[in-house]
PDB file of N, CA and C in Angstrom:
ATOM      1  N   MET A   1      76.024 118.526  94.523  1.00  0.00           N
ATOM      2  CA  MET A   1      75.827 118.223  95.919  1.00  0.00           C
ATOM      3  C   MET A   1      76.532 116.896  96.225  1.00  0.00           C
ATOM      4  N   ASN A   2      77.243 116.852  97.343  1.00  0.00           N
ATOM      5  CA  ASN A   2      77.924 115.626  97.748  1.00  0.00           C
ATOM      6  C   ASN A   2      76.938 114.651  98.372  1.00  0.00           C
ATOM      7  N   GLN A   3      76.996 113.414  97.914  1.00  0.00           N
ATOM      8  CA  GLN A   3      76.157 112.379  98.497  1.00  0.00           C
ATOM      9  C   GLN A   3      76.968 111.640  99.551  1.00  0.00           C
ATOM     10  N   PRO A   4      76.316 111.180 100.624  1.00  0.00           N
ATOM     11  CA  PRO A   4      77.066 110.445 101.646  1.00  0.00           C
ATOM     12  C   PRO A   4      77.651 109.160 101.065  1.00  0.00           C
ATOM     13  N   GLN A   5      78.833 108.841 101.539  1.00  0.00           N
ATOM     14  CA  GLN A   5      79.520 107.653 101.047  1.00  0.00           C
ATOM     15  C   GLN A   5      78.866 106.402 101.635  1.00  0.00           C
ATOM     16  N   GLN A   6      78.738 105.373 100.832  1.00  0.00           N
ATOM     17  CA  GLN A   6      78.167 104.115 101.286  1.00  0.00           C
ATOM     18  C   GLN A   6      79.140 103.428 102.236  1.00  0.00           C
ATOM     19  N   PRO A   7      78.621 102.604 103.149  1.00  0.00           N
ATOM     20  CA  PRO A   7      79.526 101.864 104.033  1.00  0.00           C
ATOM     21  C   PRO A   7      80.482 100.994 103.214  1.00  0.00           C
ATOM     22  N   ILE A   8      81.664 100.816 103.751  1.00  0.00           N
ATOM     23  CA  ILE A   8      82.663 100.009 103.059  1.00  0.00           C
ATOM     24  C   ILE A   8      82.220  98.545 103.050  1.00  0.00           C
ATOM     25  N   PRO A   9      82.265  97.880 101.899  1.00  0.00           N
ATOM     26  CA  PRO A   9      81.893  96.467 101.850  1.00  0.00           C
ATOM     27  C   PRO A   9      82.846  95.628 102.707  1.00  0.00           C
ATOM     28  N   TRP A  10      82.308  94.615 103.353  1.00  0.00           N
ATOM     29  CA  TRP A  10      83.108  93.748 104.228  1.00  0.00           C
ATOM     30  C   TRP A  10      84.260  93.099 103.487  1.00  0.00           C
ATOM     31  N   VAL A  11      84.056  92.771 102.217  1.00  0.00           N
ATOM     32  CA  VAL A  11      85.128  92.145 101.442  1.00  0.00           C
ATOM     33  C   VAL A  11      86.318  93.090 101.329  1.00  0.00           C
ATOM     34  N   ARG A  12      86.062  94.354 101.071  1.00  0.00           N
ATOM     35  CA  ARG A  12      87.149  95.349 100.970  1.00  0.00           C
ATOM     36  C   ARG A  12      87.837  95.540 102.326  1.00  0.00           C
ATOM     37  N   LEU A  13      87.048  95.574 103.389  1.00  0.00           N
ATOM     38  CA  LEU A  13      87.618  95.731 104.721  1.00  0.00           C
ATOM     39  C   LEU A  13      88.483  94.525 105.080  1.00  0.00           C
ATOM     40  N   ALA A  14      87.996  93.326 104.786  1.00  0.00           N
ATOM     41  CA  ALA A  14      88.781  92.116 105.057  1.00  0.00           C
ATOM     42  C   ALA A  14      90.057  92.106 104.225  1.00  0.00           C
ATOM     43  N   ALA A  15      89.957  92.495 102.968  1.00  0.00           N
ATOM     44  CA  ALA A  15      91.143  92.564 102.119  1.00  0.00           C
ATOM     45  C   ALA A  15      92.126  93.584 102.678  1.00  0.00           C
ATOM     46  N   GLY A  16      91.606  94.715 103.146  1.00  0.00           N
ATOM     47  CA  GLY A  16      92.463  95.725 103.757  1.00  0.00           C
ATOM     48  C   GLY A  16      93.179  95.200 104.988  1.00  0.00           C
ATOM     49  N   MET A  17      92.482  94.408 105.793  1.00  0.00           N
ATOM     50  CA  MET A  17      93.105  93.820 106.982  1.00  0.00           C
ATOM     51  C   MET A  17      94.234  92.870 106.598  1.00  0.00           C
ATOM     52  N   VAL A  18      93.989  92.054 105.588  1.00  0.00           N
ATOM     53  CA  VAL A  18      95.038  91.150 105.103  1.00  0.00           C
ATOM     54  C   VAL A  18      96.219  91.970 104.583  1.00  0.00           C
ATOM     55  N   GLY A  19      95.927  93.014 103.832  1.00  0.00           N
ATOM     56  CA  GLY A  19      96.984  93.890 103.323  1.00  0.00           C
ATOM     57  C   GLY A  19      97.772  94.541 104.442  1.00  0.00           C
ATOM     58  N   ALA A  20      97.085  94.915 105.523  1.00  0.00           N
ATOM     59  CA  ALA A  20      97.765  95.518 106.672  1.00  0.00           C
ATOM     60  C   ALA A  20      98.723  94.523 107.318  1.00  0.00           C
ATOM     61  N   ILE A  21      98.285  93.287 107.450  1.00  0.00           N
ATOM     62  CA  ILE A  21      99.139  92.253 108.053  1.00  0.00           C
ATOM     63  C   ILE A  21     100.350  91.983 107.169  1.00  0.00           C
ATOM     64  N   VAL A  22     100.114  91.826 105.876  1.00  0.00           N
ATOM     65  CA  VAL A  22     101.230  91.587 104.951  1.00  0.00           C
ATOM     66  C   VAL A  22     102.176  92.787 104.948  1.00  0.00           C
ATOM     67  N   GLY A  23     101.622  93.992 104.926  1.00  0.00           N
ATOM     68  CA  GLY A  23     102.446  95.195 104.969  1.00  0.00           C
ATOM     69  C   GLY A  23     103.259  95.283 106.243  1.00  0.00           C
ATOM     70  N   ALA A  24     102.664  94.905 107.378  1.00  0.00           N
ATOM     71  CA  ALA A  24     103.382  94.925 108.652  1.00  0.00           C
ATOM     72  C   ALA A  24     104.527  93.919 108.650  1.00  0.00           C
ATOM     73  N   ILE A  25     104.286  92.756 108.092  1.00  0.00           N
ATOM     74  CA  ILE A  25     105.345  91.735 108.036  1.00  0.00           C
ATOM     75  C   ILE A  25     106.479  92.196 107.124  1.00  0.00           C
ATOM     76  N   VAL A  26     106.134  92.665 105.938  1.00  0.00           N
ATOM     77  CA  VAL A  26     107.157  93.121 104.996  1.00  0.00           C
ATOM     78  C   VAL A  26     107.884  94.354 105.546  1.00  0.00           C
ATOM     79  N   GLY A  27     107.118  95.322 106.050  1.00  0.00           N
ATOM     80  CA  GLY A  27     107.725  96.524 106.612  1.00  0.00           C
ATOM     81  C   GLY A  27     108.601  96.216 107.813  1.00  0.00           C
ATOM     82  N   GLY A  28     108.155  95.297 108.656  1.00  0.00           N
ATOM     83  CA  GLY A  28     108.952  94.894 109.810  1.00  0.00           C
ATOM     84  C   GLY A  28     110.239  94.207 109.390  1.00  0.00           C
ATOM     85  N   TRP A  29     110.147  93.373 108.362  1.00  0.00           N
ATOM     86  CA  TRP A  29     111.341  92.682 107.876  1.00  0.00           C
ATOM     87  C   TRP A  29     112.346  93.698 107.316  1.00  0.00           C
ATOM     88  N   ILE A  30     111.874  94.640 106.523  1.00  0.00           N
ATOM     89  CA  ILE A  30     112.768  95.657 105.959  1.00  0.00           C
ATOM     90  C   ILE A  30     113.361  96.518 107.073  1.00  0.00           C
ATOM     91  N   TYR A  31     112.532  96.889 108.044  1.00  0.00           N
ATOM     92  CA  TYR A  31     113.010  97.689 109.177  1.00  0.00           C
ATOM     93  C   TYR A  31     114.112  96.943 109.937  1.00  0.00           C
ATOM     94  N   ASN A  32     113.866  95.679 110.249  1.00  0.00           N
ATOM     95  CA  ASN A  32     114.871  94.881 110.978  1.00  0.00           C
ATOM     96  C   ASN A  32     116.134  94.678 110.140  1.00  0.00           C
ATOM     97  N   TRP A  33     115.988  94.526 108.857  1.00  0.00           N
ATOM     98  CA  TRP A  33     117.136  94.407 107.952  1.00  0.00           C
ATOM     99  C   TRP A  33     117.971  95.687 108.019  1.00  0.00           C
ATOM    100  N   GLY A  34     117.289  96.822 108.008  1.00  0.00           N
ATOM    101  CA  GLY A  34     117.987  98.100 108.129  1.00  0.00           C
ATOM    102  C   GLY A  34     118.699  98.230 109.474  1.00  0.00           C
ATOM    103  N   ILE A  35     118.051  97.804 110.551  1.00  0.00           N
ATOM    104  CA  ILE A  35     118.664  97.863 111.883  1.00  0.00           C
ATOM    105  C   ILE A  35     119.972  97.079 111.890  1.00  0.00           C
ATOM    106  N   ARG A  36     119.964  95.898 111.289  1.00  0.00           N
ATOM    107  CA  ARG A  36     121.178  95.067 111.247  1.00  0.00           C
ATOM    108  C   ARG A  36     122.310  95.743 110.471  1.00  0.00           C
ATOM    109  N   GLN A  37     121.961  96.719 109.635  1.00  0.00           N
ATOM    110  CA  GLN A  37     122.970  97.444 108.866  1.00  0.00           C
ATOM    111  C   GLN A  37     123.250  98.832 109.449  1.00  0.00           C
ATOM    112  N   GLY A  38     122.668  99.113 110.612  1.00  0.00           N
ATOM    113  CA  GLY A  38     122.914 100.387 111.268  1.00  0.00           C
ATOM    114  C   GLY A  38     121.950 101.500 110.878  1.00  0.00           C
ATOM    115  N   LEU A  39     120.879 101.182 110.174  1.00  0.00           N
ATOM    116  CA  LEU A  39     119.898 102.182 109.747  1.00  0.00           C
ATOM    117  C   LEU A  39     118.619 102.016 110.563  1.00  0.00           C
ATOM    118  N   ASP A  40     118.250 103.033 111.306  1.00  0.00           N
ATOM    119  CA  ASP A  40     117.015 103.023 112.085  1.00  0.00           C
ATOM    120  C   ASP A  40     116.001 103.898 111.352  1.00  0.00           C
ATOM    121  N   ALA A  41     115.057 103.281 110.678  1.00  0.00           N
ATOM    122  CA  ALA A  41     114.078 104.009 109.868  1.00  0.00           C
ATOM    123  C   ALA A  41     112.662 103.554 110.218  1.00  0.00           C
ATOM    124  N   PRO A  42     112.111 104.034 111.354  1.00  0.00           N
ATOM    125  CA  PRO A  42     110.799 103.560 111.792  1.00  0.00           C
ATOM    126  C   PRO A  42     109.627 103.988 110.919  1.00  0.00           C
ATOM    127  N   MET A  43     109.864 104.763 109.868  1.00  0.00           N
ATOM    128  CA  MET A  43     108.764 105.134 108.978  1.00  0.00           C
ATOM    129  C   MET A  43     108.493 104.057 107.920  1.00  0.00           C
ATOM    130  N   ILE A  44     109.408 103.128 107.770  1.00  0.00           N
ATOM    131  CA  ILE A  44     109.241 102.074 106.763  1.00  0.00           C
ATOM    132  C   ILE A  44     108.017 101.201 107.028  1.00  0.00           C
ATOM    133  N   PRO A  45     107.800 100.702 108.250  1.00  0.00           N
ATOM    134  CA  PRO A  45     106.630  99.840 108.461  1.00  0.00           C
ATOM    135  C   PRO A  45     105.300 100.527 108.133  1.00  0.00           C
ATOM    136  N   GLY A  46     105.122 101.764 108.544  1.00  0.00           N
ATOM    137  CA  GLY A  46     103.872 102.465 108.246  1.00  0.00           C
ATOM    138  C   GLY A  46     103.639 102.631 106.759  1.00  0.00           C
ATOM    139  N   THR A  47     104.708 102.920 106.043  1.00  0.00           N
ATOM    140  CA  THR A  47     104.607 103.056 104.592  1.00  0.00           C
ATOM    141  C   THR A  47     104.183 101.730 103.958  1.00  0.00           C
ATOM    142  N   ALA A  48     104.824 100.651 104.381  1.00  0.00           N
ATOM    143  CA  ALA A  48     104.484  99.324 103.844  1.00  0.00           C
ATOM    144  C   ALA A  48     103.056  98.932 104.203  1.00  0.00           C
ATOM    145  N   ILE A  49     102.628  99.264 105.405  1.00  0.00           N
ATOM    146  CA  ILE A  49     101.259  98.944 105.834  1.00  0.00           C
ATOM    147  C   ILE A  49     100.245  99.712 104.988  1.00  0.00           C
ATOM    148  N   GLY A  50     100.465 101.000 104.790  1.00  0.00           N
ATOM    149  CA  GLY A  50      99.548 101.794 103.978  1.00  0.00           C
ATOM    150  C   GLY A  50      99.432 101.260 102.561  1.00  0.00           C
ATOM    151  N   PHE A  51     100.575 100.952 101.949  1.00  0.00           N
ATOM    152  CA  PHE A  51     100.536 100.394 100.596  1.00  0.00           C
ATOM    153  C   PHE A  51      99.908  99.004 100.576  1.00  0.00           C
ATOM    154  N   GLY A  52     100.153  98.215 101.625  1.00  0.00           N
ATOM    155  CA  GLY A  52      99.539  96.882 101.704  1.00  0.00           C
ATOM    156  C   GLY A  52      98.028  96.970 101.750  1.00  0.00           C
ATOM    157  N   VAL A  53      97.508  97.882 102.562  1.00  0.00           N
ATOM    158  CA  VAL A  53      96.057  98.058 102.684  1.00  0.00           C
ATOM    159  C   VAL A  53      95.474  98.546 101.366  1.00  0.00           C
ATOM    160  N   LEU A  54      96.069  99.571 100.795  1.00  0.00           N
ATOM    161  CA  LEU A  54      95.541 100.136  99.558  1.00  0.00           C
ATOM    162  C   LEU A  54      95.613  99.130  98.407  1.00  0.00           C
ATOM    163  N   SER A  55      96.698  98.385  98.328  1.00  0.00           N
ATOM    164  CA  SER A  55      96.846  97.386  97.258  1.00  0.00           C
ATOM    165  C   SER A  55      95.835  96.260  97.393  1.00  0.00           C
ATOM    166  N   ALA A  56      95.627  95.794  98.616  1.00  0.00           N
ATOM    167  CA  ALA A  56      94.716  94.664  98.823  1.00  0.00           C
ATOM    168  C   ALA A  56      93.257  95.076  98.676  1.00  0.00           C
ATOM    169  N   ALA A  57      92.896  96.236  99.208  1.00  0.00           N
ATOM    170  CA  ALA A  57      91.493  96.667  99.171  1.00  0.00           C
ATOM    171  C   ALA A  57      91.100  97.244  97.812  1.00  0.00           C
ATOM    172  N   LYS A  58      92.085  97.680  97.033  1.00  0.00           N
ATOM    173  CA  LYS A  58      91.868  98.239  95.694  1.00  0.00           C
ATOM    174  C   LYS A  58      91.108  99.563  95.697  1.00  0.00           C
ATOM    175  N   VAL A  59      90.896 100.124  96.868  1.00  0.00           N
ATOM    176  CA  VAL A  59      90.192 101.395  96.975  1.00  0.00           C
ATOM    177  C   VAL A  59      90.637 102.070  98.266  1.00  0.00           C
ATOM    178  N   GLY A  60      90.758 103.376  98.240  1.00  0.00           N
ATOM    179  CA  GLY A  60      91.094 104.109  99.443  1.00  0.00           C
ATOM    180  C   GLY A  60      89.833 104.612 100.123  1.00  0.00           C
ATOM    181  N   ARG A  61      89.786 104.479 101.424  1.00  0.00           N
ATOM    182  CA  ARG A  61      88.643 104.943 102.207  1.00  0.00           C
ATOM    183  C   ARG A  61      89.138 105.422 103.562  1.00  0.00           C
ATOM    184  N   LEU A  62      88.393 106.284 104.190  1.00  0.00           N
ATOM    185  CA  LEU A  62      88.733 106.772 105.522  1.00  0.00           C
ATOM    186  C   LEU A  62      88.917 105.607 106.491  1.00  0.00           C
ATOM    187  N   GLU A  63      88.006 104.641 106.439  1.00  0.00           N
ATOM    188  CA  GLU A  63      88.080 103.491 107.339  1.00  0.00           C
ATOM    189  C   GLU A  63      89.391 102.720 107.144  1.00  0.00           C
ATOM    190  N   LEU A  64      89.822 102.603 105.907  1.00  0.00           N
ATOM    191  CA  LEU A  64      91.069 101.893 105.624  1.00  0.00           C
ATOM    192  C   LEU A  64      92.276 102.702 106.075  1.00  0.00           C
ATOM    193  N   GLY A  65      92.170 104.019 105.996  1.00  0.00           N
ATOM    194  CA  GLY A  65      93.230 104.868 106.520  1.00  0.00           C
ATOM    195  C   GLY A  65      93.374 104.703 108.027  1.00  0.00           C
ATOM    196  N   ILE A  66      92.246 104.640 108.715  1.00  0.00           N
ATOM    197  CA  ILE A  66      92.270 104.444 110.170  1.00  0.00           C
ATOM    198  C   ILE A  66      92.840 103.076 110.502  1.00  0.00           C
ATOM    199  N   LEU A  67      92.418 102.052 109.783  1.00  0.00           N
ATOM    200  CA  LEU A  67      92.971 100.708 109.975  1.00  0.00           C
ATOM    201  C   LEU A  67      94.484 100.723 109.790  1.00  0.00           C
ATOM    202  N   SER A  68      94.944 101.362 108.737  1.00  0.00           N
ATOM    203  CA  SER A  68      96.379 101.453 108.467  1.00  0.00           C
ATOM    204  C   SER A  68      97.115 102.134 109.615  1.00  0.00           C
ATOM    205  N   ALA A  69      96.561 103.228 110.103  1.00  0.00           N
ATOM    206  CA  ALA A  69      97.202 103.989 111.177  1.00  0.00           C
ATOM    207  C   ALA A  69      97.299 103.178 112.458  1.00  0.00           C
ATOM    208  N   VAL A  70      96.238 102.470 112.806  1.00  0.00           N
ATOM    209  CA  VAL A  70      96.244 101.662 114.034  1.00  0.00           C
ATOM    210  C   VAL A  70      97.286 100.548 113.935  1.00  0.00           C
ATOM    211  N   VAL A  71      97.305  99.858 112.811  1.00  0.00           N
ATOM    212  CA  VAL A  71      98.285  98.774 112.634  1.00  0.00           C
ATOM    213  C   VAL A  71      99.700  99.347 112.638  1.00  0.00           C
ATOM    214  N   ALA A  72      99.899 100.512 112.022  1.00  0.00           N
ATOM    215  CA  ALA A  72     101.227 101.135 112.003  1.00  0.00           C
ATOM    216  C   ALA A  72     101.676 101.527 113.407  1.00  0.00           C
ATOM    217  N   LEU A  73     100.760 102.011 114.227  1.00  0.00           N
ATOM    218  CA  LEU A  73     101.115 102.366 115.600  1.00  0.00           C
ATOM    219  C   LEU A  73     101.541 101.130 116.386  1.00  0.00           C
ATOM    220  N   VAL A  74     100.754 100.071 116.288  1.00  0.00           N
ATOM    221  CA  VAL A  74     101.089  98.828 116.999  1.00  0.00           C
ATOM    222  C   VAL A  74     102.420  98.276 116.494  1.00  0.00           C
ATOM    223  N   ALA A  75     102.587  98.220 115.175  1.00  0.00           N
ATOM    224  CA  ALA A  75     103.833  97.697 114.600  1.00  0.00           C
ATOM    225  C   ALA A  75     105.025  98.561 114.993  1.00  0.00           C
ATOM    226  N   GLY A  76     104.855  99.877 114.929  1.00  0.00           N
ATOM    227  CA  GLY A  76     105.950 100.771 115.278  1.00  0.00           C
ATOM    228  C   GLY A  76     106.393 100.619 116.711  1.00  0.00           C
ATOM    229  N   LEU A  77     105.438 100.537 117.632  1.00  0.00           N
ATOM    230  CA  LEU A  77     105.783 100.354 119.047  1.00  0.00           C
ATOM    231  C   LEU A  77     106.403  98.985 119.298  1.00  0.00           C
ATOM    232  N   TYR A  78     105.837  97.953 118.668  1.00  0.00           N
ATOM    233  CA  TYR A  78     106.392  96.605 118.835  1.00  0.00           C
ATOM    234  C   TYR A  78     107.828  96.537 118.317  1.00  0.00           C
ATOM    235  N   LEU A  79     108.071  97.076 117.138  1.00  0.00           N
ATOM    236  CA  LEU A  79     109.413  97.020 116.556  1.00  0.00           C
ATOM    237  C   LEU A  79     110.416  97.828 117.374  1.00  0.00           C
ATOM    238  N   GLU A  80     109.988  98.967 117.883  1.00  0.00           N
ATOM    239  CA  GLU A  80     110.882  99.765 118.734  1.00  0.00           C
ATOM    240  C   GLU A  80     111.234  98.983 119.998  1.00  0.00           C
ATOM    241  N   TRP A  81     110.229  98.406 120.643  1.00  0.00           N
ATOM    242  CA  TRP A  81     110.453  97.637 121.867  1.00  0.00           C
ATOM    243  C   TRP A  81     111.328  96.408 121.600  1.00  0.00           C
ATOM    244  N   SER A  82     111.028  95.677 120.516  1.00  0.00           N
ATOM    245  CA  SER A  82     111.772  94.440 120.267  1.00  0.00           C
ATOM    246  C   SER A  82     113.227  94.698 119.869  1.00  0.00           C
ATOM    247  N   ASN A  83     113.510  95.846 119.298  1.00  0.00           N
ATOM    248  CA  ASN A  83     114.881  96.173 118.902  1.00  0.00           C
ATOM    249  C   ASN A  83     115.627  97.009 119.946  1.00  0.00           C
ATOM    250  N   PHE A  84     114.900  97.821 120.671  1.00  0.00           N
ATOM    251  CA  PHE A  84     115.528  98.747 121.628  1.00  0.00           C
ATOM    252  C   PHE A  84     114.780  98.768 122.955  1.00  0.00           C
ATOM    253  N   PRO A  85     114.714  97.625 123.666  1.00  0.00           N
ATOM    254  CA  PRO A  85     114.027  97.634 124.966  1.00  0.00           C
ATOM    255  C   PRO A  85     114.817  98.473 125.970  1.00  0.00           C
ATOM    256  N   PHE A  86     114.122  98.933 126.998  1.00  0.00           N
ATOM    257  CA  PHE A  86     114.807  99.697 128.042  1.00  0.00           C
ATOM    258  C   PHE A  86     115.722  98.773 128.836  1.00  0.00           C
ATOM    259  N   VAL A  87     116.850  99.303 129.268  1.00  0.00           N
ATOM    260  CA  VAL A  87     117.826  98.525 130.028  1.00  0.00           C
ATOM    261  C   VAL A  87     117.275  98.162 131.404  1.00  0.00           C
ATOM    262  N   ALA A  88     116.563  99.084 132.036  1.00  0.00           N
ATOM    263  CA  ALA A  88     116.051  98.863 133.388  1.00  0.00           C
ATOM    264  C   ALA A  88     115.083  97.686 133.458  1.00  0.00           C
ATOM    265  N   ASP A  89     114.301  97.496 132.415  1.00  0.00           N
ATOM    266  CA  ASP A  89     113.314  96.415 132.364  1.00  0.00           C
ATOM    267  C   ASP A  89     112.975  96.226 130.890  1.00  0.00           C
ATOM    268  N   ASP A  90     113.184  95.022 130.377  1.00  0.00           N
ATOM    269  CA  ASP A  90     112.956  94.805 128.944  1.00  0.00           C
ATOM    270  C   ASP A  90     111.541  94.332 128.609  1.00  0.00           C
ATOM    271  N   GLY A  91     110.629  94.399 129.577  1.00  0.00           N
ATOM    272  CA  GLY A  91     109.251  93.971 129.345  1.00  0.00           C
ATOM    273  C   GLY A  91     108.453  94.992 128.550  1.00  0.00           C
ATOM    274  N   ILE A  92     107.452  94.497 127.838  1.00  0.00           N
ATOM    275  CA  ILE A  92     106.609  95.374 127.019  1.00  0.00           C
ATOM    276  C   ILE A  92     105.798  96.332 127.887  1.00  0.00           C
ATOM    277  N   GLY A  93     105.350  95.871 129.051  1.00  0.00           N
ATOM    278  CA  GLY A  93     104.586  96.743 129.945  1.00  0.00           C
ATOM    279  C   GLY A  93     105.395  97.936 130.404  1.00  0.00           C
ATOM    280  N   TYR A  94     106.634  97.686 130.795  1.00  0.00           N
ATOM    281  CA  TYR A  94     107.519  98.760 131.209  1.00  0.00           C
ATOM    282  C   TYR A  94     107.769  99.712 130.046  1.00  0.00           C
ATOM    283  N   PHE A  95     107.999  99.140 128.880  1.00  0.00           N
ATOM    284  CA  PHE A  95     108.247  99.953 127.680  1.00  0.00           C
ATOM    285  C   PHE A  95     107.070 100.892 127.422  1.00  0.00           C
ATOM    286  N   LEU A  96     105.852 100.338 127.417  1.00  0.00           N
ATOM    287  CA  LEU A  96     104.664 101.147 127.119  1.00  0.00           C
ATOM    288  C   LEU A  96     104.415 102.216 128.185  1.00  0.00           C
ATOM    289  N   SER A  97     104.747 101.901 129.432  1.00  0.00           N
ATOM    290  CA  SER A  97     104.531 102.892 130.489  1.00  0.00           C
ATOM    291  C   SER A  97     105.628 103.958 130.528  1.00  0.00           C
ATOM    292  N   HIS A  98     106.688 103.764 129.749  1.00  0.00           N
ATOM    293  CA  HIS A  98     107.782 104.730 129.708  1.00  0.00           C
ATOM    294  C   HIS A  98     108.040 105.268 128.295  1.00  0.00           C
ATOM    295  N   LEU A  99     107.014 105.291 127.479  1.00  0.00           N
ATOM    296  CA  LEU A  99     107.161 105.819 126.112  1.00  0.00           C
ATOM    297  C   LEU A  99     107.686 107.252 126.117  1.00  0.00           C
ATOM    298  N   HIS A 100     107.304 108.006 127.131  1.00  0.00           N
ATOM    299  CA  HIS A 100     107.750 109.395 127.226  1.00  0.00           C
ATOM    300  C   HIS A 100     109.272 109.501 127.372  1.00  0.00           C
ATOM    301  N   SER A 101     109.933 108.397 127.700  1.00  0.00           N
ATOM    302  CA  SER A 101     111.390 108.399 127.849  1.00  0.00           C
ATOM    303  C   SER A 101     112.131 108.191 126.531  1.00  0.00           C
ATOM    304  N   LEU A 102     111.394 107.872 125.467  1.00  0.00           N
ATOM    305  CA  LEU A 102     112.038 107.717 124.166  1.00  0.00           C
ATOM    306  C   LEU A 102     112.560 109.072 123.697  1.00  0.00           C
ATOM    307  N   GLN A 103     113.556 109.021 122.823  1.00  0.00           N
ATOM    308  CA  GLN A 103     114.077 110.260 122.253  1.00  0.00           C
ATOM    309  C   GLN A 103     112.969 110.944 121.452  1.00  0.00           C
ATOM    310  N   PRO A 104     112.883 112.274 121.546  1.00  0.00           N
ATOM    311  CA  PRO A 104     111.814 112.986 120.829  1.00  0.00           C
ATOM    312  C   PRO A 104     111.781 112.698 119.325  1.00  0.00           C
ATOM    313  N   LEU A 105     112.938 112.594 118.688  1.00  0.00           N
ATOM    314  CA  LEU A 105     112.951 112.306 117.254  1.00  0.00           C
ATOM    315  C   LEU A 105     112.376 110.927 116.967  1.00  0.00           C
ATOM    316  N   LYS A 106     112.640 109.966 117.833  1.00  0.00           N
ATOM    317  CA  LYS A 106     112.082 108.615 117.652  1.00  0.00           C
ATOM    318  C   LYS A 106     110.558 108.665 117.739  1.00  0.00           C
ATOM    319  N   ILE A 107     110.036 109.404 118.700  1.00  0.00           N
ATOM    320  CA  ILE A 107     108.584 109.552 118.842  1.00  0.00           C
ATOM    321  C   ILE A 107     108.002 110.215 117.592  1.00  0.00           C
ATOM    322  N   LEU A 108     108.668 111.247 117.100  1.00  0.00           N
ATOM    323  CA  LEU A 108     108.197 111.929 115.887  1.00  0.00           C
ATOM    324  C   LEU A 108     108.216 111.000 114.678  1.00  0.00           C
ATOM    325  N   MET A 109     109.236 110.155 114.563  1.00  0.00           N
ATOM    326  CA  MET A 109     109.312 109.248 113.409  1.00  0.00           C
ATOM    327  C   MET A 109     108.242 108.162 113.484  1.00  0.00           C
ATOM    328  N   ILE A 110     107.949 107.667 114.683  1.00  0.00           N
ATOM    329  CA  ILE A 110     106.867 106.689 114.817  1.00  0.00           C
ATOM    330  C   ILE A 110     105.533 107.358 114.486  1.00  0.00           C
ATOM    331  N   ALA A 111     105.348 108.595 114.972  1.00  0.00           N
ATOM    332  CA  ALA A 111     104.121 109.335 114.654  1.00  0.00           C
ATOM    333  C   ALA A 111     104.018 109.589 113.150  1.00  0.00           C
ATOM    334  N   ALA A 112     105.125 109.909 112.514  1.00  0.00           N
ATOM    335  CA  ALA A 112     105.125 110.120 111.059  1.00  0.00           C
ATOM    336  C   ALA A 112     104.756 108.827 110.336  1.00  0.00           C
ATOM    337  N   SER A 113     105.227 107.705 110.840  1.00  0.00           N
ATOM    338  CA  SER A 113     104.884 106.409 110.248  1.00  0.00           C
ATOM    339  C   SER A 113     103.372 106.177 110.305  1.00  0.00           C
ATOM    340  N   VAL A 114     102.776 106.520 111.441  1.00  0.00           N
ATOM    341  CA  VAL A 114     101.321 106.370 111.605  1.00  0.00           C
ATOM    342  C   VAL A 114     100.594 107.285 110.622  1.00  0.00           C
ATOM    343  N   PHE A 115     101.061 108.536 110.493  1.00  0.00           N
ATOM    344  CA  PHE A 115     100.432 109.479 109.561  1.00  0.00           C
ATOM    345  C   PHE A 115     100.575 109.005 108.110  1.00  0.00           C
ATOM    346  N   ILE A 116     101.753 108.526 107.750  1.00  0.00           N
ATOM    347  CA  ILE A 116     101.979 108.037 106.385  1.00  0.00           C
ATOM    348  C   ILE A 116     101.058 106.852 106.093  1.00  0.00           C
ATOM    349  N   ALA A 117     100.958 105.938 107.051  1.00  0.00           N
ATOM    350  CA  ALA A 117     100.073 104.776 106.872  1.00  0.00           C
ATOM    351  C   ALA A 117      98.630 105.229 106.651  1.00  0.00           C
ATOM    352  N   PHE A 118      98.185 106.191 107.461  1.00  0.00           N
ATOM    353  CA  PHE A 118      96.821 106.706 107.308  1.00  0.00           C
ATOM    354  C   PHE A 118      96.634 107.341 105.937  1.00  0.00           C
ATOM    355  N   PHE A 119      97.553 108.202 105.564  1.00  0.00           N
ATOM    356  CA  PHE A 119      97.447 108.949 104.315  1.00  0.00           C
ATOM    357  C   PHE A 119      97.412 108.011 103.105  1.00  0.00           C
ATOM    358  N   ILE A 120      98.300 107.009 103.100  1.00  0.00           N
ATOM    359  CA  ILE A 120      98.325 106.075 101.968  1.00  0.00           C
ATOM    360  C   ILE A 120      97.105 105.165 101.992  1.00  0.00           C
ATOM    361  N   GLY A 121      96.770 104.604 103.167  1.00  0.00           N
ATOM    362  CA  GLY A 121      95.621 103.694 103.273  1.00  0.00           C
ATOM    363  C   GLY A 121      94.310 104.356 102.951  1.00  0.00           C
ATOM    364  N   ARG A 122      94.207 105.650 103.250  1.00  0.00           N
ATOM    365  CA  ARG A 122      92.988 106.397 102.932  1.00  0.00           C
ATOM    366  C   ARG A 122      92.835 106.586 101.443  1.00  0.00           C
ATOM    367  N   GLY A 123      93.958 106.656 100.756  1.00  0.00           N
ATOM    368  CA  GLY A 123      93.912 106.846  99.311  1.00  0.00           C
ATOM    369  C   GLY A 123      93.287 108.173  98.942  1.00  0.00           C
ATOM    370  N   ARG A 124      92.841 108.245  97.733  1.00  0.00           N
ATOM    371  CA  ARG A 124      92.191 109.465  97.237  1.00  0.00           C
ATOM    372  C   ARG A 124      90.717 109.190  97.103  1.00  0.00           C
ATOM    373  N   GLU A 125      89.954 109.708  98.038  1.00  0.00           N
ATOM    374  CA  GLU A 125      88.502 109.521  97.988  1.00  0.00           C
ATOM    375  C   GLU A 125      87.907 110.522  97.014  1.00  0.00           C
ATOM    376  N   HIS A 126      87.076 110.029  96.142  1.00  0.00           N
ATOM    377  CA  HIS A 126      86.402 110.895  95.170  1.00  0.00           C
ATOM    378  C   HIS A 126      84.938 110.962  95.517  1.00  0.00           C
ATOM    379  N   THR A 127      84.429 112.162  95.606  1.00  0.00           N
ATOM    380  CA  THR A 127      82.992 112.327  95.827  1.00  0.00           C
ATOM    381  C   THR A 127      82.385 112.920  94.566  1.00  0.00           C
ATOM    382  N   HIS A 128      81.214 112.499  94.275  1.00  0.00           N
ATOM    383  CA  HIS A 128      80.537 112.983  93.058  1.00  0.00           C
ATOM    384  C   HIS A 128      79.386 113.859  93.433  1.00  0.00           C
TER     385      HIS A 128
END
């Protein structure tokens, strides 16, 4: 019989948050480095965030997967806006209100980044 999982300890959650921030910084740096070389790979930040969370927290949990996904979404949108703002208006508000104008493949790659971050940050949960 599966027993309910205990709440995640605050120390693990805090470590996961630190890992998410470090992963976002490293992933953002690698993403921007790729942009400067002509490579647009928006899945890199989510991957780095997921590994950052899992490495720092030392355990995979649903809550950490959700944390990873949220940070990956914010990072992905920020990096897209900061590298490719709209010509009509380069403000973040305009960008967010016109997300539907992005190329479909770009939207899919940002969504894939969020999914990858969730999947890695969640890790492999074992129930006994």
